[in-house]
Amino acid sequence: MKLRNLLVETDEEMKVKKEVSLATKMKEFYGVIARYERDGKIHKDDKQKIETLKDFITDMVKQEARRNED
């Protein structure tokens, strides 16, 4: 799995929407990662990197939500 593949697939899904917030983009990105995990497209050696990326995305989305509440 290459990060570029994730970005391309996420961009394809985002073309339908006109204005997209960073949080929305990250949620879509997370969804693509989850689908890749289900489909077995993530190599075993990449598991730790993917978990770190997922944690980063989750934290980023939470911070964005907190900012919007204020």
PDB file of N, CA and C in Angstrom:
ATOM      1  N   MET A   1       0.827  -1.171   0.000  1.00  0.00           N
ATOM      2  CA  MET A   1       0.000   0.000   0.000  1.00  0.00           C
ATOM      3  C   MET A   1       0.875   1.238   0.000  1.00  0.00           C
ATOM      4  N   LYS A   2       0.508   2.193  -0.805  1.00  0.00           N
ATOM      5  CA  LYS A   2       1.247   3.434  -0.871  1.00  0.00           C
ATOM      6  C   LYS A   2       0.339   4.572  -0.443  1.00  0.00           C
ATOM      7  N   LEU A   3       0.914   5.524   0.245  1.00  0.00           N
ATOM      8  CA  LEU A   3       0.149   6.676   0.696  1.00  0.00           C
ATOM      9  C   LEU A   3      -0.498   7.392  -0.481  1.00  0.00           C
ATOM     10  N   ARG A   4       0.199   7.419  -1.597  1.00  0.00           N
ATOM     11  CA  ARG A   4      -0.343   8.060  -2.801  1.00  0.00           C
ATOM     12  C   ARG A   4      -1.680   7.432  -3.194  1.00  0.00           C
ATOM     13  N   ASN A   5      -1.792   6.112  -3.079  1.00  0.00           N
ATOM     14  CA  ASN A   5      -3.044   5.430  -3.410  1.00  0.00           C
ATOM     15  C   ASN A   5      -4.177   5.914  -2.514  1.00  0.00           C
ATOM     16  N   LEU A   6      -3.881   6.105  -1.226  1.00  0.00           N
ATOM     17  CA  LEU A   6      -4.894   6.602  -0.303  1.00  0.00           C
ATOM     18  C   LEU A   6      -5.343   8.002  -0.688  1.00  0.00           C
ATOM     19  N   LEU A   7      -4.389   8.847  -1.031  1.00  0.00           N
ATOM     20  CA  LEU A   7      -4.714  10.222  -1.398  1.00  0.00           C
ATOM     21  C   LEU A   7      -5.543  10.283  -2.668  1.00  0.00           C
ATOM     22  N   VAL A   8      -5.188   9.488  -3.657  1.00  0.00           N
ATOM     23  CA  VAL A   8      -5.930   9.470  -4.917  1.00  0.00           C
ATOM     24  C   VAL A   8      -7.360   9.005  -4.679  1.00  0.00           C
ATOM     25  N   GLU A   9      -7.517   7.953  -3.916  1.00  0.00           N
ATOM     26  CA  GLU A   9      -8.860   7.431  -3.658  1.00  0.00           C
ATOM     27  C   GLU A   9      -9.683   8.425  -2.844  1.00  0.00           C
ATOM     28  N   THR A  10      -9.083   9.068  -1.873  1.00  0.00           N
ATOM     29  CA  THR A  10      -9.791  10.070  -1.082  1.00  0.00           C
ATOM     30  C   THR A  10     -10.189  11.250  -1.950  1.00  0.00           C
ATOM     31  N   ASP A  11      -9.302  11.693  -2.831  1.00  0.00           N
ATOM     32  CA  ASP A  11      -9.620  12.808  -3.727  1.00  0.00           C
ATOM     33  C   ASP A  11     -10.781  12.468  -4.644  1.00  0.00           C
ATOM     34  N   GLU A  12     -10.845  11.230  -5.111  1.00  0.00           N
ATOM     35  CA  GLU A  12     -11.949  10.817  -5.975  1.00  0.00           C
ATOM     36  C   GLU A  12     -13.280  10.946  -5.242  1.00  0.00           C
ATOM     37  N   GLU A  13     -13.294  10.562  -3.965  1.00  0.00           N
ATOM     38  CA  GLU A  13     -14.520  10.628  -3.181  1.00  0.00           C
ATOM     39  C   GLU A  13     -14.907  12.072  -2.871  1.00  0.00           C
ATOM     40  N   MET A  14     -13.939  12.973  -2.797  1.00  0.00           N
ATOM     41  CA  MET A  14     -14.183  14.365  -2.440  1.00  0.00           C
ATOM     42  C   MET A  14     -14.609  15.217  -3.629  1.00  0.00           C
ATOM     43  N   LYS A  15     -14.433  14.747  -4.850  1.00  0.00           N
ATOM     44  CA  LYS A  15     -14.763  15.553  -6.027  1.00  0.00           C
ATOM     45  C   LYS A  15     -16.236  15.932  -6.070  1.00  0.00           C
ATOM     46  N   VAL A  16     -17.075  15.126  -5.465  1.00  0.00           N
ATOM     47  CA  VAL A  16     -18.514  15.370  -5.473  1.00  0.00           C
ATOM     48  C   VAL A  16     -18.859  16.600  -4.638  1.00  0.00           C
ATOM     49  N   LYS A  17     -18.112  16.823  -3.560  1.00  0.00           N
ATOM     50  CA  LYS A  17     -18.394  17.929  -2.657  1.00  0.00           C
ATOM     51  C   LYS A  17     -17.620  19.169  -3.091  1.00  0.00           C
ATOM     52  N   LYS A  18     -18.240  20.345  -2.950  1.00  0.00           N
ATOM     53  CA  LYS A  18     -17.584  21.574  -3.398  1.00  0.00           C
ATOM     54  C   LYS A  18     -16.616  22.108  -2.356  1.00  0.00           C
ATOM     55  N   GLU A  19     -17.086  22.403  -1.144  1.00  0.00           N
ATOM     56  CA  GLU A  19     -16.216  22.885  -0.080  1.00  0.00           C
ATOM     57  C   GLU A  19     -16.081  21.798   0.961  1.00  0.00           C
ATOM     58  N   VAL A  20     -14.838  21.476   1.282  1.00  0.00           N
ATOM     59  CA  VAL A  20     -14.582  20.383   2.210  1.00  0.00           C
ATOM     60  C   VAL A  20     -13.662  20.894   3.309  1.00  0.00           C
ATOM     61  N   SER A  21     -14.085  20.697   4.557  1.00  0.00           N
ATOM     62  CA  SER A  21     -13.245  21.097   5.684  1.00  0.00           C
ATOM     63  C   SER A  21     -12.138  20.064   5.862  1.00  0.00           C
ATOM     64  N   LEU A  22     -11.125  20.468   6.588  1.00  0.00           N
ATOM     65  CA  LEU A  22     -10.012  19.558   6.854  1.00  0.00           C
ATOM     66  C   LEU A  22     -10.492  18.335   7.625  1.00  0.00           C
ATOM     67  N   ALA A  23     -11.368  18.548   8.586  1.00  0.00           N
ATOM     68  CA  ALA A  23     -11.889  17.432   9.374  1.00  0.00           C
ATOM     69  C   ALA A  23     -12.630  16.434   8.492  1.00  0.00           C
ATOM     70  N   THR A  24     -13.431  16.937   7.559  1.00  0.00           N
ATOM     71  CA  THR A  24     -14.162  16.056   6.644  1.00  0.00           C
ATOM     72  C   THR A  24     -13.196  15.274   5.777  1.00  0.00           C
ATOM     73  N   LYS A  25     -12.181  15.956   5.291  1.00  0.00           N
ATOM     74  CA  LYS A  25     -11.160  15.300   4.454  1.00  0.00           C
ATOM     75  C   LYS A  25     -10.463  14.185   5.233  1.00  0.00           C
ATOM     76  N   MET A  26     -10.126  14.457   6.480  1.00  0.00           N
ATOM     77  CA  MET A  26      -9.446  13.464   7.310  1.00  0.00           C
ATOM     78  C   MET A  26     -10.364  12.287   7.629  1.00  0.00           C
ATOM     79  N   LYS A  27     -11.652  12.553   7.831  1.00  0.00           N
ATOM     80  CA  LYS A  27     -12.598  11.460   8.075  1.00  0.00           C
ATOM     81  C   LYS A  27     -12.683  10.545   6.857  1.00  0.00           C
ATOM     82  N   GLU A  28     -12.715  11.133   5.674  1.00  0.00           N
ATOM     83  CA  GLU A  28     -12.737  10.338   4.445  1.00  0.00           C
ATOM     84  C   GLU A  28     -11.442   9.528   4.304  1.00  0.00           C
ATOM     85  N   PHE A  29     -10.343  10.159   4.627  1.00  0.00           N
ATOM     86  CA  PHE A  29      -9.039   9.506   4.568  1.00  0.00           C
ATOM     87  C   PHE A  29      -9.029   8.307   5.509  1.00  0.00           C
ATOM     88  N   TYR A  30      -9.565   8.494   6.708  1.00  0.00           N
ATOM     89  CA  TYR A  30      -9.649   7.418   7.689  1.00  0.00           C
ATOM     90  C   TYR A  30     -10.522   6.286   7.165  1.00  0.00           C
ATOM     91  N   GLY A  31     -11.610   6.641   6.502  1.00  0.00           N
ATOM     92  CA  GLY A  31     -12.498   5.631   5.932  1.00  0.00           C
ATOM     93  C   GLY A  31     -11.813   4.789   4.863  1.00  0.00           C
ATOM     94  N   VAL A  32     -10.984   5.427   4.054  1.00  0.00           N
ATOM     95  CA  VAL A  32     -10.238   4.691   3.032  1.00  0.00           C
ATOM     96  C   VAL A  32      -9.251   3.728   3.693  1.00  0.00           C
ATOM     97  N   ILE A  33      -8.592   4.179   4.749  1.00  0.00           N
ATOM     98  CA  ILE A  33      -7.655   3.311   5.472  1.00  0.00           C
ATOM     99  C   ILE A  33      -8.400   2.108   6.035  1.00  0.00           C
ATOM    100  N   ALA A  34      -9.551   2.347   6.645  1.00  0.00           N
ATOM    101  CA  ALA A  34     -10.340   1.247   7.214  1.00  0.00           C
ATOM    102  C   ALA A  34     -10.745   0.244   6.144  1.00  0.00           C
ATOM    103  N   ARG A  35     -11.146   0.743   4.981  1.00  0.00           N
ATOM    104  CA  ARG A  35     -11.525  -0.155   3.881  1.00  0.00           C
ATOM    105  C   ARG A  35     -10.317  -0.959   3.402  1.00  0.00           C
ATOM    106  N   TYR A  36      -9.162  -0.311   3.305  1.00  0.00           N
ATOM    107  CA  TYR A  36      -7.945  -1.024   2.902  1.00  0.00           C
ATOM    108  C   TYR A  36      -7.611  -2.127   3.906  1.00  0.00           C
ATOM    109  N   GLU A  37      -7.829  -1.843   5.188  1.00  0.00           N
ATOM    110  CA  GLU A  37      -7.575  -2.869   6.210  1.00  0.00           C
ATOM    111  C   GLU A  37      -8.525  -4.045   6.032  1.00  0.00           C
ATOM    112  N   ARG A  38      -9.796  -3.754   5.799  1.00  0.00           N
ATOM    113  CA  ARG A  38     -10.779  -4.829   5.594  1.00  0.00           C
ATOM    114  C   ARG A  38     -10.459  -5.669   4.371  1.00  0.00           C
ATOM    115  N   ASP A  39     -10.003  -5.003   3.304  1.00  0.00           N
ATOM    116  CA  ASP A  39      -9.717  -5.695   2.050  1.00  0.00           C
ATOM    117  C   ASP A  39      -8.356  -6.379   2.025  1.00  0.00           C
ATOM    118  N   GLY A  40      -7.564  -6.175   3.076  1.00  0.00           N
ATOM    119  CA  GLY A  40      -6.253  -6.812   3.151  1.00  0.00           C
ATOM    120  C   GLY A  40      -5.204  -6.167   2.258  1.00  0.00           C
ATOM    121  N   LYS A  41      -5.388  -4.903   1.910  1.00  0.00           N
ATOM    122  CA  LYS A  41      -4.441  -4.220   1.032  1.00  0.00           C
ATOM    123  C   LYS A  41      -3.245  -3.638   1.786  1.00  0.00           C
ATOM    124  N   ILE A  42      -3.291  -3.684   3.109  1.00  0.00           N
ATOM    125  CA  ILE A  42      -2.201  -3.129   3.908  1.00  0.00           C
ATOM    126  C   ILE A  42      -1.237  -4.249   4.274  1.00  0.00           C
ATOM    127  N   HIS A  43       0.008  -4.048   3.939  1.00  0.00           N
ATOM    128  CA  HIS A  43       1.047  -5.032   4.210  1.00  0.00           C
ATOM    129  C   HIS A  43       1.297  -5.126   5.714  1.00  0.00           C
ATOM    130  N   LYS A  44       1.623  -6.291   6.197  1.00  0.00           N
ATOM    131  CA  LYS A  44       1.850  -6.502   7.627  1.00  0.00           C
ATOM    132  C   LYS A  44       2.927  -5.570   8.178  1.00  0.00           C
ATOM    133  N   ASP A  45       3.936  -5.277   7.374  1.00  0.00           N
ATOM    134  CA  ASP A  45       5.011  -4.397   7.822  1.00  0.00           C
ATOM    135  C   ASP A  45       4.540  -2.959   8.015  1.00  0.00           C
ATOM    136  N   ASP A  46       3.426  -2.603   7.408  1.00  0.00           N
ATOM    137  CA  ASP A  46       2.910  -1.241   7.488  1.00  0.00           C
ATOM    138  C   ASP A  46       1.921  -1.036   8.636  1.00  0.00           C
ATOM    139  N   LYS A  47       1.589  -2.078   9.361  1.00  0.00           N
ATOM    140  CA  LYS A  47       0.564  -1.991  10.403  1.00  0.00           C
ATOM    141  C   LYS A  47       0.865  -0.898  11.427  1.00  0.00           C
ATOM    142  N   GLN A  48       2.093  -0.828  11.923  1.00  0.00           N
ATOM    143  CA  GLN A  48       2.447   0.171  12.935  1.00  0.00           C
ATOM    144  C   GLN A  48       2.319   1.581  12.370  1.00  0.00           C
ATOM    145  N   LYS A  49       2.757   1.779  11.135  1.00  0.00           N
ATOM    146  CA  LYS A  49       2.656   3.099  10.507  1.00  0.00           C
ATOM    147  C   LYS A  49       1.193   3.495  10.335  1.00  0.00           C
ATOM    148  N   ILE A  50       0.365   2.553   9.937  1.00  0.00           N
ATOM    149  CA  ILE A  50      -1.058   2.831   9.727  1.00  0.00           C
ATOM    150  C   ILE A  50      -1.742   3.176  11.045  1.00  0.00           C
ATOM    151  N   GLU A  51      -1.408   2.458  12.105  1.00  0.00           N
ATOM    152  CA  GLU A  51      -1.993   2.756  13.413  1.00  0.00           C
ATOM    153  C   GLU A  51      -1.602   4.162  13.869  1.00  0.00           C
ATOM    154  N   THR A  52      -0.360   4.543  13.651  1.00  0.00           N
ATOM    155  CA  THR A  52       0.100   5.888  13.996  1.00  0.00           C
ATOM    156  C   THR A  52      -0.654   6.931  13.177  1.00  0.00           C
ATOM    157  N   LEU A  53      -0.830   6.675  11.892  1.00  0.00           N
ATOM    158  CA  LEU A  53      -1.556   7.590  11.017  1.00  0.00           C
ATOM    159  C   LEU A  53      -3.014   7.721  11.458  1.00  0.00           C
ATOM    160  N   LYS A  54      -3.642   6.611  11.801  1.00  0.00           N
ATOM    161  CA  LYS A  54      -5.024   6.644  12.253  1.00  0.00           C
ATOM    162  C   LYS A  54      -5.164   7.440  13.546  1.00  0.00           C
ATOM    163  N   ASP A  55      -4.223   7.264  14.481  1.00  0.00           N
ATOM    164  CA  ASP A  55      -4.252   8.029  15.725  1.00  0.00           C
ATOM    165  C   ASP A  55      -4.099   9.521  15.453  1.00  0.00           C
ATOM    166  N   PHE A  56      -3.198   9.864  14.538  1.00  0.00           N
ATOM    167  CA  PHE A  56      -2.982  11.255  14.163  1.00  0.00           C
ATOM    168  C   PHE A  56      -4.256  11.867  13.579  1.00  0.00           C
ATOM    169  N   ILE A  57      -4.886  11.146  12.683  1.00  0.00           N
ATOM    170  CA  ILE A  57      -6.112  11.633  12.049  1.00  0.00           C
ATOM    171  C   ILE A  57      -7.217  11.815  13.082  1.00  0.00           C
ATOM    172  N   THR A  58      -7.365  10.849  13.971  1.00  0.00           N
ATOM    173  CA  THR A  58      -8.386  10.932  15.017  1.00  0.00           C
ATOM    174  C   THR A  58      -8.169  12.161  15.891  1.00  0.00           C
ATOM    175  N   ASP A  59      -6.933  12.390  16.307  1.00  0.00           N
ATOM    176  CA  ASP A  59      -6.624  13.563  17.126  1.00  0.00           C
ATOM    177  C   ASP A  59      -6.893  14.857  16.371  1.00  0.00           C
ATOM    178  N   MET A  60      -6.546  14.886  15.101  1.00  0.00           N
ATOM    179  CA  MET A  60      -6.755  16.085  14.294  1.00  0.00           C
ATOM    180  C   MET A  60      -8.247  16.406  14.170  1.00  0.00           C
ATOM    181  N   VAL A  61      -9.057  15.397  13.946  1.00  0.00           N
ATOM    182  CA  VAL A  61     -10.499  15.603  13.808  1.00  0.00           C
ATOM    183  C   VAL A  61     -11.093  16.083  15.135  1.00  0.00           C
ATOM    184  N   LYS A  62     -10.638  15.515  16.249  1.00  0.00           N
ATOM    185  CA  LYS A  62     -11.127  15.936  17.563  1.00  0.00           C
ATOM    186  C   LYS A  62     -10.753  17.385  17.847  1.00  0.00           C
ATOM    187  N   GLN A  63      -9.546  17.774  17.507  1.00  0.00           N
ATOM    188  CA  GLN A  63      -9.116  19.161  17.722  1.00  0.00           C
ATOM    189  C   GLN A  63      -9.953  20.117  16.881  1.00  0.00           C
ATOM    190  N   GLU A  64     -10.228  19.743  15.655  1.00  0.00           N
ATOM    191  CA  GLU A  64     -11.060  20.577  14.780  1.00  0.00           C
ATOM    192  C   GLU A  64     -12.461  20.728  15.357  1.00  0.00           C
ATOM    193  N   ALA A  65     -13.017  19.647  15.888  1.00  0.00           N
ATOM    194  CA  ALA A  65     -14.351  19.692  16.481  1.00  0.00           C
ATOM    195  C   ALA A  65     -14.359  20.603  17.708  1.00  0.00           C
ATOM    196  N   ARG A  66     -13.305  20.525  18.518  1.00  0.00           N
ATOM    197  CA  ARG A  66     -13.217  21.390  19.699  1.00  0.00           C
ATOM    198  C   ARG A  66     -13.126  22.862  19.292  1.00  0.00           C
ATOM    199  N   ARG A  67     -12.372  23.148  18.247  1.00  0.00           N
ATOM    200  CA  ARG A  67     -12.240  24.530  17.769  1.00  0.00           C
ATOM    201  C   ARG A  67     -13.584  25.076  17.291  1.00  0.00           C
ATOM    202  N   ASN A  68     -14.334  24.221  16.629  1.00  0.00           N
ATOM    203  CA  ASN A  68     -15.635  24.651  16.104  1.00  0.00           C
ATOM    204  C   ASN A  68     -16.671  24.868  17.210  1.00  0.00           C
ATOM    205  N   GLU A  69     -16.493  24.198  18.349  1.00  0.00           N
ATOM    206  CA  GLU A  69     -17.412  24.368  19.470  1.00  0.00           C
ATOM    207  C   GLU A  69     -17.204  25.707  20.151  1.00  0.00           C
ATOM    208  N   ASP A  70     -15.996  26.217  20.113  1.00  0.00           N
ATOM    209  CA  ASP A  70     -15.671  27.484  20.811  1.00  0.00           C
ATOM    210  C   ASP A  70     -16.176  28.677  20.097  1.00  0.00           C
TER     211      ASP A  70
END
